[in-house]
């Protein structure tokens, strides 16, 4: 990856098509864009398509060119058929093998690379999720190219925008690699429409690579509340709640009153107040809901990186000088143990 210099080659150059009469120049943007081909890596779990991963399709649409989606796992016929209806996808590459169900990167990466080589794709796009962050660096290494991580914007086929320094600076980067390995920030690219498409479904290449890791078990925190990553409303608690018991007593009723997902700062998670699946921030989940209401969160730069794109930010903190008030649209200085229950009661009414 090199710093951006000048305009894109697409904008500067003109390409030539060979005909019987010689070389005929054509406008490069329209000609070369047809040579672009993106592979959107979709996620599935227990035979259900992860609609959050459809942001990769939206990113591919911004690039132009043909769009193919890739999906793998056991008993995924129904998932492939659902993905085929997504607007903008021309073809689904499906590999049915239970060995890929859990998305273990050690065997999923060789699988994806084989299908990339077969299809000759120019851009490989996945979400900047736990799955994407584990898988794509291995894919980039196997292809001997550099990964472009966590992008929030696309300027042209080789120029991308991404936050650095916990979002305090925005970098515009240009890649000269023939194959671009990209992960996207989910809050920057909304999911593509789940209806209206009619993609064909093809079987992909399965190298049956042996995995050096083994899936043992998982313990999932289950909740009837909205999913944190995609919820339109989020309430988050921080270290100021002082204990898990107080976190549950104060924040959960507020979330229920608002119909919101529950989040937490890293300090709250590290202190055991909340499960790590609820962590919002640079090392947790990045969210951009319509409303982000936080209590007892001072506003460390790492936390702000995960929620500063929220449409409305409301904060409750007893410290009037807390950094969170510098980004909040609405701020309330006061004791959260009094103010939050009072707010919850008024919402219930």
Protein backbone atom coordinates (compact mmCIF):
# COMPACT_ATOMS: atom_id res chain seq x y z
CA UNK A 1 0.00 0.00 0.00
CA UNK A 2 1.43 3.42 -0.92
CA UNK A 3 0.24 6.98 -0.21
CA UNK A 4 -2.18 8.33 -2.72
CA UNK A 5 -0.46 10.27 -5.50
CA UNK A 6 -2.38 12.15 -8.17
CA UNK A 7 -5.57 10.96 -9.79
CA UNK A 8 -6.52 7.36 -10.34
CA UNK A 9 -5.14 5.55 -13.35
CA UNK A 10 -8.74 4.97 -14.34
CA UNK A 11 -9.28 8.69 -14.57
CA UNK A 12 -6.01 9.46 -16.35
CA UNK A 13 -5.50 6.63 -18.77
CA UNK A 14 -7.26 5.57 -21.91
CA UNK A 15 -7.23 1.93 -22.85
CA UNK A 16 -7.30 0.50 -26.34
CA UNK A 17 -9.29 -2.38 -27.74
CA UNK A 18 -7.73 -4.40 -30.55
CA UNK A 19 -9.91 -4.70 -33.64
CA UNK A 20 -9.26 -5.92 -37.18
CA UNK A 21 -8.56 -2.39 -38.21
CA UNK A 22 -6.02 -1.75 -35.46
CA UNK A 23 -6.23 -0.19 -32.00
CA UNK A 24 -9.36 1.71 -31.08
CA UNK A 25 -9.18 3.97 -27.99
CA UNK A 26 -12.08 3.88 -25.57
CA UNK A 27 -12.77 5.81 -22.38
CA UNK A 28 -10.89 3.98 -19.65
CA UNK A 29 -13.46 4.40 -16.88
CA UNK A 30 -16.21 2.55 -18.73
CA UNK A 31 -13.89 -0.07 -20.22
CA UNK A 32 -11.77 -0.90 -17.19
CA UNK A 33 -14.71 -0.88 -14.78
CA UNK A 34 -16.02 -3.91 -16.64
CA UNK A 35 -12.77 -5.69 -15.76
CA UNK A 36 -13.42 -5.26 -12.05
CA UNK A 37 -14.86 -8.28 -10.31
CA UNK A 38 -15.60 -8.38 -6.59
CA UNK A 39 -16.04 -11.38 -4.32
CA UNK A 40 -18.16 -10.60 -1.25
CA UNK A 41 -17.52 -13.07 1.56
CA UNK A 42 -20.81 -13.68 3.38
CA UNK A 43 -21.19 -15.09 6.87
CA UNK A 44 -23.66 -17.70 8.04
CA UNK A 45 -24.39 -19.29 11.39
CA UNK A 46 -26.38 -22.44 12.02
CA UNK A 47 -27.82 -22.34 8.52
CA UNK A 48 -28.89 -18.69 8.71
CA UNK A 49 -27.44 -15.86 6.64
CA UNK A 50 -25.84 -13.05 8.64
CA UNK A 51 -27.51 -10.03 7.07
CA UNK A 52 -24.88 -7.75 8.59
CA UNK A 53 -22.32 -9.26 6.21
CA UNK A 54 -24.33 -7.93 3.23
CA UNK A 55 -22.52 -4.64 3.70
CA UNK A 56 -19.75 -6.27 1.66
CA UNK A 57 -22.14 -6.33 -1.29
CA UNK A 58 -22.86 -2.62 -0.86
CA UNK A 59 -19.13 -1.89 -0.88
CA UNK A 60 -18.73 -3.99 -4.03
CA UNK A 61 -21.50 -2.00 -5.72
CA UNK A 62 -19.56 1.21 -5.06
CA UNK A 63 -16.58 -0.29 -6.86
CA UNK A 64 -18.57 -1.28 -9.94
CA UNK A 65 -18.04 -4.38 -12.05
CA UNK A 66 -19.48 -7.83 -11.45
CA UNK A 67 -20.29 -9.04 -7.94
CA UNK A 68 -20.02 -12.64 -6.79
CA UNK A 69 -20.81 -13.80 -3.26
CA UNK A 70 -19.07 -16.64 -1.46
CA UNK A 71 -20.52 -18.77 1.30
CA UNK A 72 -19.47 -22.06 2.88
CA UNK A 73 -20.67 -24.45 5.58
CA UNK A 74 -22.83 -27.50 6.13
CA UNK A 75 -26.43 -27.67 4.88
CA UNK A 76 -26.25 -24.21 3.31
CA UNK A 77 -28.50 -24.75 0.33
CA UNK A 78 -31.20 -22.60 1.90
CA UNK A 79 -28.63 -19.94 2.84
CA UNK A 80 -27.31 -19.84 -0.74
CA UNK A 81 -30.85 -19.51 -2.07
CA UNK A 82 -31.54 -16.65 0.33
CA UNK A 83 -28.28 -14.92 -0.68
CA UNK A 84 -29.21 -15.33 -4.35
CA UNK A 85 -32.14 -12.95 -3.77
CA UNK A 86 -29.86 -10.14 -2.55
CA UNK A 87 -29.91 -7.13 -4.84
CA UNK A 88 -26.74 -6.65 -6.87
CA UNK A 89 -25.24 -10.14 -6.69
CA UNK A 90 -24.78 -11.88 -10.03
CA UNK A 91 -23.51 -15.25 -8.84
CA UNK A 92 -23.25 -17.27 -5.62
CA UNK A 93 -20.26 -19.55 -5.07
CA UNK A 94 -21.34 -22.15 -2.53
CA UNK A 95 -19.23 -24.82 -0.82
CA UNK A 96 -21.18 -27.30 1.27
CA UNK A 97 -18.95 -28.88 3.88
CA UNK A 98 -19.60 -28.97 7.63
CA UNK A 99 -15.87 -28.46 8.21
CA UNK A 100 -16.40 -24.76 7.40
CA UNK A 101 -19.42 -24.28 9.65
CA UNK A 102 -17.58 -22.42 12.41
CA UNK A 103 -15.46 -20.35 10.05
CA UNK A 104 -12.13 -21.54 11.45
CA UNK A 105 -9.61 -19.43 9.53
CA UNK A 106 -6.98 -22.18 9.36
CA UNK A 107 -9.02 -24.19 6.86
CA UNK A 108 -11.36 -21.45 5.58
CA UNK A 109 -8.48 -19.32 4.25
CA UNK A 110 -7.11 -22.01 1.86
CA UNK A 111 -10.69 -22.66 0.72
CA UNK A 112 -11.27 -19.00 -0.08
CA UNK A 113 -7.89 -18.63 -1.82
CA UNK A 114 -8.61 -21.56 -4.15
CA UNK A 115 -11.88 -19.98 -5.21
CA UNK A 116 -10.27 -16.54 -5.61
CA UNK A 117 -7.65 -17.99 -7.94
CA UNK A 118 -10.29 -19.83 -9.95
CA UNK A 119 -12.49 -16.76 -10.35
CA UNK A 120 -9.70 -14.21 -10.88
CA UNK A 121 -11.40 -11.59 -8.71
CA UNK A 122 -9.83 -8.16 -8.31
CA UNK A 123 -11.42 -7.25 -4.96
CA UNK A 124 -12.16 -9.57 -2.03
CA UNK A 125 -14.44 -7.93 0.54
CA UNK A 126 -15.52 -9.07 4.01
CA UNK A 127 -16.85 -7.38 7.13
CA UNK A 128 -14.41 -6.16 9.78
CA UNK A 129 -15.95 -8.64 12.20
CA UNK A 130 -14.35 -11.34 14.35
CA UNK A 131 -14.73 -13.67 11.34
CA UNK A 132 -13.28 -11.20 8.83
CA UNK A 133 -10.43 -10.10 11.10
CA UNK A 134 -9.36 -13.73 11.60
CA UNK A 135 -9.79 -14.85 8.00
CA UNK A 136 -8.66 -12.03 5.71
CA UNK A 137 -5.06 -11.54 6.98
CA UNK A 138 -4.43 -15.22 6.27
CA UNK A 139 -5.94 -14.89 2.81
CA UNK A 140 -3.74 -11.85 2.13
CA UNK A 141 -0.64 -13.74 3.27
CA UNK A 142 -1.43 -16.73 1.06
CA UNK A 143 -1.88 -14.40 -1.93
CA UNK A 144 1.22 -12.35 -0.97
CA UNK A 145 -0.65 -9.05 -0.95
CA UNK A 146 -1.33 -6.44 1.71
CA UNK A 147 -4.69 -6.21 3.44
CA UNK A 148 -6.64 -2.94 3.56
CA UNK A 149 -8.48 -2.99 6.88
CA UNK A 150 -11.63 -1.40 8.27
CA UNK A 151 -12.38 0.95 5.39
CA UNK A 152 -15.17 3.51 5.65
CA UNK A 153 -15.08 4.88 2.11
CA UNK A 154 -14.20 4.01 -1.49
CA UNK A 155 -12.86 6.67 -3.85
CA UNK A 156 -12.06 4.42 -6.80
CA UNK A 157 -10.97 0.87 -7.56
CA UNK A 158 -7.65 1.22 -5.71
CA UNK A 159 -8.13 4.19 -3.36
CA UNK A 160 -9.80 3.73 0.01
CA UNK A 161 -10.54 5.72 3.16
CA UNK A 162 -9.93 4.28 6.62
CA UNK A 163 -9.71 5.64 10.17
CA UNK A 164 -6.43 5.44 12.08
CA UNK A 165 -5.36 6.37 15.63
CA UNK A 166 -8.69 5.23 17.08
CA UNK A 167 -10.56 7.39 14.58
CA UNK A 168 -8.71 10.61 15.36
CA UNK A 169 -7.27 10.74 11.85
CA UNK A 170 -8.58 9.61 8.48
CA UNK A 171 -6.14 8.10 5.98
CA UNK A 172 -6.65 7.87 2.23
CA UNK A 173 -4.60 4.94 0.97
CA UNK A 174 -3.88 3.59 -2.49
CA UNK A 175 -3.05 -0.05 -3.19
CA UNK A 176 -1.03 -1.21 -6.18
CA UNK A 177 -1.70 -4.92 -5.52
CA UNK A 178 -3.49 -6.72 -8.34
CA UNK A 179 -5.84 -8.34 -5.83
CA UNK A 180 -7.26 -6.10 -3.11
CA UNK A 181 -8.08 -7.80 0.21
CA UNK A 182 -10.50 -5.51 2.05
CA UNK A 183 -12.44 -5.50 5.30
CA UNK A 184 -15.19 -2.91 5.72
CA UNK A 185 -16.58 -1.12 8.75
CA UNK A 186 -20.17 -2.29 9.02
CA UNK A 187 -21.50 1.09 10.13
CA UNK A 188 -20.17 2.72 6.94
CA UNK A 189 -21.80 0.32 4.46
CA UNK A 190 -25.45 -0.59 5.07
CA UNK A 191 -26.60 -4.09 4.19
CA UNK A 192 -27.65 -4.57 0.57
CA UNK A 193 -31.34 -5.17 -0.12
CA UNK A 194 -32.34 -8.72 0.76
CA UNK A 195 -34.89 -8.93 -2.05
CA UNK A 196 -34.96 -8.25 -5.75
CA UNK A 197 -31.95 -10.24 -6.93
CA UNK A 198 -31.81 -13.41 -8.99
CA UNK A 199 -28.24 -14.69 -8.82
CA UNK A 200 -27.19 -18.08 -10.14
CA UNK A 201 -25.72 -20.61 -7.70
CA UNK A 202 -22.57 -22.58 -8.48
CA UNK A 203 -20.52 -25.10 -6.55
CA UNK A 204 -17.13 -23.80 -5.52
CA UNK A 205 -13.76 -25.53 -5.33
CA UNK A 206 -13.19 -27.39 -2.06
CA UNK A 207 -9.49 -28.17 -1.40
CA UNK A 208 -10.49 -29.95 1.84
CA UNK A 209 -7.55 -28.37 3.63
CA UNK A 210 -6.85 -29.88 7.01
CA UNK A 211 -7.35 -27.49 9.89
CA UNK A 212 -4.66 -27.25 12.56
CA UNK A 213 -7.28 -26.08 15.06
CA UNK A 214 -10.36 -27.80 16.43
CA UNK A 215 -13.66 -26.34 17.52
CA UNK A 216 -14.34 -27.40 21.11
CA UNK A 217 -17.30 -25.40 22.40
CA UNK A 218 -18.73 -21.94 22.92
CA UNK A 219 -20.71 -20.17 25.62
CA UNK A 220 -23.06 -17.59 24.15
CA UNK A 221 -24.78 -14.83 26.05
CA UNK A 222 -28.38 -15.07 24.82
CA UNK A 223 -30.81 -12.20 25.04
CA UNK A 224 -34.21 -11.21 23.71
CA UNK A 225 -32.96 -7.65 23.25
CA UNK A 226 -31.86 -6.33 19.83
CA UNK A 227 -28.42 -7.28 18.52
CA UNK A 228 -25.86 -4.71 19.62
CA UNK A 229 -24.15 -4.39 16.24
CA UNK A 230 -27.32 -3.56 14.31
CA UNK A 231 -29.69 -2.04 16.93
CA UNK A 232 -31.22 1.36 16.28
CA UNK A 233 -30.96 2.23 19.98
CA UNK A 234 -28.14 1.36 22.38
CA UNK A 235 -27.71 2.04 26.10
CA UNK A 236 -24.23 1.56 27.54
CA UNK A 237 -22.87 1.51 31.05
CA UNK A 238 -19.36 2.15 32.32
CA UNK A 239 -17.17 1.77 35.36
CA UNK A 240 -19.28 4.34 37.19
CA UNK A 241 -21.90 1.64 37.82
CA UNK A 242 -19.48 0.09 40.36
CA UNK A 243 -20.68 -3.56 40.20
CA UNK A 244 -22.41 -6.14 38.01
CA UNK A 245 -25.45 -6.06 40.28
CA UNK A 246 -25.80 -2.30 39.87
CA UNK A 247 -25.15 -2.55 36.11
CA UNK A 248 -28.02 -5.02 35.75
CA UNK A 249 -30.31 -3.09 38.11
CA UNK A 250 -29.75 0.28 36.45
CA UNK A 251 -29.08 -0.38 32.75
CA UNK A 252 -31.26 -3.37 31.87
CA UNK A 253 -34.61 -1.73 32.79
CA UNK A 254 -33.57 1.35 30.80
CA UNK A 255 -32.79 -0.81 27.78
CA UNK A 256 -36.14 -2.56 28.06
CA UNK A 257 -38.00 0.75 28.37
CA UNK A 258 -36.32 2.02 25.18
CA UNK A 259 -36.38 -1.28 23.31
CA UNK A 260 -32.61 -0.90 23.05
CA UNK A 261 -29.56 -3.15 22.92
CA UNK A 262 -27.17 -3.13 25.88
CA UNK A 263 -23.52 -2.13 25.54
CA UNK A 264 -20.65 -1.49 27.91
CA UNK A 265 -17.29 0.23 28.04
CA UNK A 266 -14.10 -1.83 28.19
CA UNK A 267 -13.61 -0.74 31.80
CA UNK A 268 -17.02 -2.21 32.70
CA UNK A 269 -16.26 -5.43 30.84
CA UNK A 270 -12.81 -5.79 32.39
CA UNK A 271 -14.34 -5.24 35.83
CA UNK A 272 -16.82 -8.06 35.22
CA UNK A 273 -19.93 -5.87 35.10
CA UNK A 274 -20.91 -7.06 31.60
CA UNK A 275 -20.11 -9.82 29.12
CA UNK A 276 -17.32 -9.05 26.65
CA UNK A 277 -19.79 -9.52 23.77
CA UNK A 278 -21.32 -6.20 24.90
CA UNK A 279 -18.10 -4.19 24.67
CA UNK A 280 -18.29 -1.07 22.51
CA UNK A 281 -15.06 0.53 21.37
CA UNK A 282 -11.88 0.18 19.39
CA UNK A 283 -11.29 -3.37 20.67
CA UNK A 284 -15.00 -4.21 20.84
CA UNK A 285 -17.92 -3.55 18.54
CA UNK A 286 -18.37 -0.45 16.42
CA UNK A 287 -21.96 0.79 16.49
CA UNK A 288 -23.82 3.67 14.84
CA UNK A 289 -27.40 3.59 16.16
CA UNK A 290 -29.97 6.36 15.91
CA UNK A 291 -29.61 6.85 19.68
CA UNK A 292 -26.62 6.03 21.88
CA UNK A 293 -27.33 6.67 25.56
CA UNK A 294 -24.48 6.08 27.99
CA UNK A 295 -24.19 6.36 31.74
CA UNK A 296 -21.08 6.25 33.90
CA UNK A 297 -18.77 6.36 30.86
CA UNK A 298 -16.07 9.04 30.94
CA UNK A 299 -15.38 8.90 27.19
CA UNK A 300 -11.93 7.40 26.67
CA UNK A 301 -10.69 7.71 23.10
CA UNK A 302 -10.92 3.94 22.58
CA UNK A 303 -14.61 3.96 23.52
CA UNK A 304 -15.38 6.97 21.34
CA UNK A 305 -13.90 5.14 18.35
CA UNK A 306 -16.70 2.59 18.67
CA UNK A 307 -19.72 4.91 18.93
CA UNK A 308 -18.91 8.42 17.69
CA UNK A 309 -20.82 7.86 14.43
CA UNK A 310 -24.11 7.46 16.34
CA UNK A 311 -26.79 9.86 15.11
CA UNK A 312 -27.67 11.17 18.59
CA UNK A 313 -25.38 10.72 21.60
CA UNK A 314 -26.77 11.28 25.08
CA UNK A 315 -24.58 11.03 28.19
CA UNK A 316 -25.15 10.96 31.94
CA UNK A 317 -22.11 11.52 34.16
CA UNK A 318 -21.51 13.23 37.48
CA UNK A 319 -18.26 14.78 36.20
CA UNK A 320 -19.05 17.90 34.19
CA UNK A 321 -15.56 17.78 32.64
CA UNK A 322 -15.84 14.19 31.39
CA UNK A 323 -14.62 13.89 27.75
CA UNK A 324 -17.89 12.19 26.76
CA UNK A 325 -19.65 15.57 26.94
CA UNK A 326 -17.42 16.89 24.14
CA UNK A 327 -19.07 14.50 21.65
CA UNK A 328 -22.52 14.23 23.23
CA UNK A 329 -25.51 15.95 21.61
CA UNK A 330 -27.34 15.86 24.96
CA UNK A 331 -25.59 15.78 28.32
CA UNK A 332 -26.87 15.47 31.87
CA UNK A 333 -24.55 16.13 34.81
CA UNK A 334 -25.76 14.16 37.79
CA UNK A 335 -25.67 10.95 39.82
CA UNK A 336 -26.57 8.11 37.45
CA UNK A 337 -27.99 6.08 40.34
CA UNK A 338 -30.69 8.75 40.65
CA UNK A 339 -31.04 10.05 37.11
CA UNK A 340 -31.20 6.75 35.19
CA UNK A 341 -34.00 5.17 37.29
CA UNK A 342 -35.89 8.47 37.06
CA UNK A 343 -35.51 8.46 33.28
CA UNK A 344 -36.57 4.81 33.10
CA UNK A 345 -39.77 5.51 35.04
CA UNK A 346 -40.68 8.43 32.79
CA UNK A 347 -40.09 6.31 29.69
CA UNK A 348 -42.36 3.59 31.04
CA UNK A 349 -45.11 6.14 31.59
